[in-house]
Amino acid sequence: MRVDKWLSAVNVVKRRTIATDMLKSGVVYVNGMKAKASKGLSIGDRVTIEYLKGAKSYEVLQIPTSKTIPKSQKEEYVKEL
């Protein structure tokens, strides 16, 4: 699954357009390397987002099969580090 789709599907960001803008700005890293929107994710990858107030890191636990998941199931798909 693409990074921008994953960020919006697991409710890390609200909309996919926001995720795409973040990737274009160069603040999203996958396994320590700057990521493009088309970068594919797999289970075990680490996604880091550098916000103005600090960075947040996430680990991919599962790849969702649907467009979005319920917020109550977020812990099954992503772990905040």
C-alpha atoms as a PDB file:
ATOM      1  CA  MET A   1       0.000   0.000   0.000  1.00  0.00           C
ATOM      2  CA  ARG A   2       1.207   3.516  -0.791  1.00  0.00           C
ATOM      3  CA  VAL A   3       2.419   5.685   2.082  1.00  0.00           C
ATOM      4  CA  ASP A   4      -0.153   8.426   1.486  1.00  0.00           C
ATOM      5  CA  LYS A   5      -3.031   5.922   1.423  1.00  0.00           C
ATOM      6  CA  TRP A   6      -1.740   4.184   4.544  1.00  0.00           C
ATOM      7  CA  LEU A   7      -1.436   7.431   6.529  1.00  0.00           C
ATOM      8  CA  SER A   8      -5.066   8.312   5.841  1.00  0.00           C
ATOM      9  CA  ALA A   9      -6.438   4.748   6.101  1.00  0.00           C
ATOM     10  CA  VAL A  10      -5.080   4.162   9.609  1.00  0.00           C
ATOM     11  CA  ASN A  11      -6.155   7.629  10.814  1.00  0.00           C
ATOM     12  CA  VAL A  12      -2.678   9.121  11.319  1.00  0.00           C
ATOM     13  CA  VAL A  13      -3.792  12.117   9.229  1.00  0.00           C
ATOM     14  CA  LYS A  14      -7.365  13.157   8.481  1.00  0.00           C
ATOM     15  CA  ARG A  15      -7.255  13.261   4.675  1.00  0.00           C
ATOM     16  CA  ARG A  16      -5.115  11.779   1.937  1.00  0.00           C
ATOM     17  CA  THR A  17      -4.461  15.240   0.461  1.00  0.00           C
ATOM     18  CA  ILE A  18      -2.844  16.258   3.744  1.00  0.00           C
ATOM     19  CA  ALA A  19      -0.676  13.141   3.631  1.00  0.00           C
ATOM     20  CA  THR A  20       0.340  13.919   0.033  1.00  0.00           C
ATOM     21  CA  ASP A  21       1.249  17.504   0.970  1.00  0.00           C
ATOM     22  CA  MET A  22       3.362  16.247   3.878  1.00  0.00           C
ATOM     23  CA  LEU A  23       5.196  13.855   1.574  1.00  0.00           C
ATOM     24  CA  LYS A  24       5.829  16.620  -0.980  1.00  0.00           C
ATOM     25  CA  SER A  25       7.207  18.840   1.799  1.00  0.00           C
ATOM     26  CA  GLY A  26       9.703  16.139   2.747  1.00  0.00           C
ATOM     27  CA  VAL A  27       8.695  15.640   6.372  1.00  0.00           C
ATOM     28  CA  VAL A  28       7.772  11.940   6.080  1.00  0.00           C
ATOM     29  CA  TYR A  29      10.456   9.268   6.346  1.00  0.00           C
ATOM     30  CA  VAL A  30      10.165   5.509   5.864  1.00  0.00           C
ATOM     31  CA  ASN A  31      12.907   3.498   7.569  1.00  0.00           C
ATOM     32  CA  GLY A  32      15.035   6.645   7.875  1.00  0.00           C
ATOM     33  CA  MET A  33      14.801   7.716   4.210  1.00  0.00           C
ATOM     34  CA  LYS A  34      12.641  10.501   2.749  1.00  0.00           C
ATOM     35  CA  ALA A  35       9.555   9.008   1.184  1.00  0.00           C
ATOM     36  CA  LYS A  36       7.557   9.843  -1.911  1.00  0.00           C
ATOM     37  CA  ALA A  37       3.787   9.340  -2.029  1.00  0.00           C
ATOM     38  CA  SER A  38       4.164   6.263  -4.233  1.00  0.00           C
ATOM     39  CA  LYS A  39       6.538   4.462  -1.824  1.00  0.00           C
ATOM     40  CA  GLY A  40       5.148   1.066  -0.932  1.00  0.00           C
ATOM     41  CA  LEU A  41       4.860   0.007   2.701  1.00  0.00           C
ATOM     42  CA  SER A  42       5.167  -3.443   4.153  1.00  0.00           C
ATOM     43  CA  ILE A  43       4.653  -4.892   7.618  1.00  0.00           C
ATOM     44  CA  GLY A  44       7.427  -3.884  10.008  1.00  0.00           C
ATOM     45  CA  ASP A  45       8.315  -0.588   8.294  1.00  0.00           C
ATOM     46  CA  ARG A  46       8.834   2.500  10.459  1.00  0.00           C
ATOM     47  CA  VAL A  47       7.199   5.751   9.369  1.00  0.00           C
ATOM     48  CA  THR A  48       8.456   8.989  10.935  1.00  0.00           C
ATOM     49  CA  ILE A  49       6.729  12.360  10.564  1.00  0.00           C
ATOM     50  CA  GLU A  50       8.666  15.470  11.560  1.00  0.00           C
ATOM     51  CA  TYR A  51       6.246  18.038  12.940  1.00  0.00           C
ATOM     52  CA  LEU A  52       7.290  21.542  14.051  1.00  0.00           C
ATOM     53  CA  LYS A  53       7.066  20.521  17.709  1.00  0.00           C
ATOM     54  CA  GLY A  54       8.958  17.230  17.240  1.00  0.00           C
ATOM     55  CA  ALA A  55       8.874  13.943  15.410  1.00  0.00           C
ATOM     56  CA  LYS A  56       6.434  11.048  15.795  1.00  0.00           C
ATOM     57  CA  SER A  57       7.271   7.517  14.728  1.00  0.00           C
ATOM     58  CA  TYR A  58       4.912   4.700  13.846  1.00  0.00           C
ATOM     59  CA  GLU A  59       5.407   1.017  13.086  1.00  0.00           C
ATOM     60  CA  VAL A  60       3.287  -0.746  10.455  1.00  0.00           C
ATOM     61  CA  LEU A  61       1.624  -3.779  12.068  1.00  0.00           C
ATOM     62  CA  GLN A  62      -0.894  -4.619   9.317  1.00  0.00           C
ATOM     63  CA  ILE A  63      -1.862  -3.313   5.908  1.00  0.00           C
ATOM     64  CA  PRO A  64      -5.574  -2.394   5.779  1.00  0.00           C
ATOM     65  CA  THR A  65      -7.635  -3.935   2.992  1.00  0.00           C
ATOM     66  CA  SER A  66     -10.275  -1.198   2.975  1.00  0.00           C
ATOM     67  CA  LYS A  67     -10.077   2.534   2.336  1.00  0.00           C
ATOM     68  CA  THR A  68     -10.432   3.422   6.027  1.00  0.00           C
ATOM     69  CA  ILE A  69     -10.580   1.566   9.300  1.00  0.00           C
ATOM     70  CA  PRO A  70     -12.580   2.424  12.421  1.00  0.00           C
ATOM     71  CA  LYS A  71     -10.618   4.494  14.943  1.00  0.00           C
ATOM     72  CA  SER A  72     -11.251   1.798  17.544  1.00  0.00           C
ATOM     73  CA  GLN A  73      -9.176  -0.662  15.473  1.00  0.00           C
ATOM     74  CA  LYS A  74      -6.200   1.676  14.936  1.00  0.00           C
ATOM     75  CA  GLU A  75      -4.022  -0.258  17.429  1.00  0.00           C
ATOM     76  CA  GLU A  76      -4.245  -3.375  15.220  1.00  0.00           C
ATOM     77  CA  TYR A  77      -2.686  -1.591  12.248  1.00  0.00           C
ATOM     78  CA  VAL A  78      -0.228   0.931  13.681  1.00  0.00           C
ATOM     79  CA  LYS A  79       1.901   1.243  16.828  1.00  0.00           C
ATOM     80  CA  GLU A  80       3.148   4.651  17.932  1.00  0.00           C
ATOM     81  CA  LEU A  81       6.760   4.518  19.050  1.00  0.00           C
END
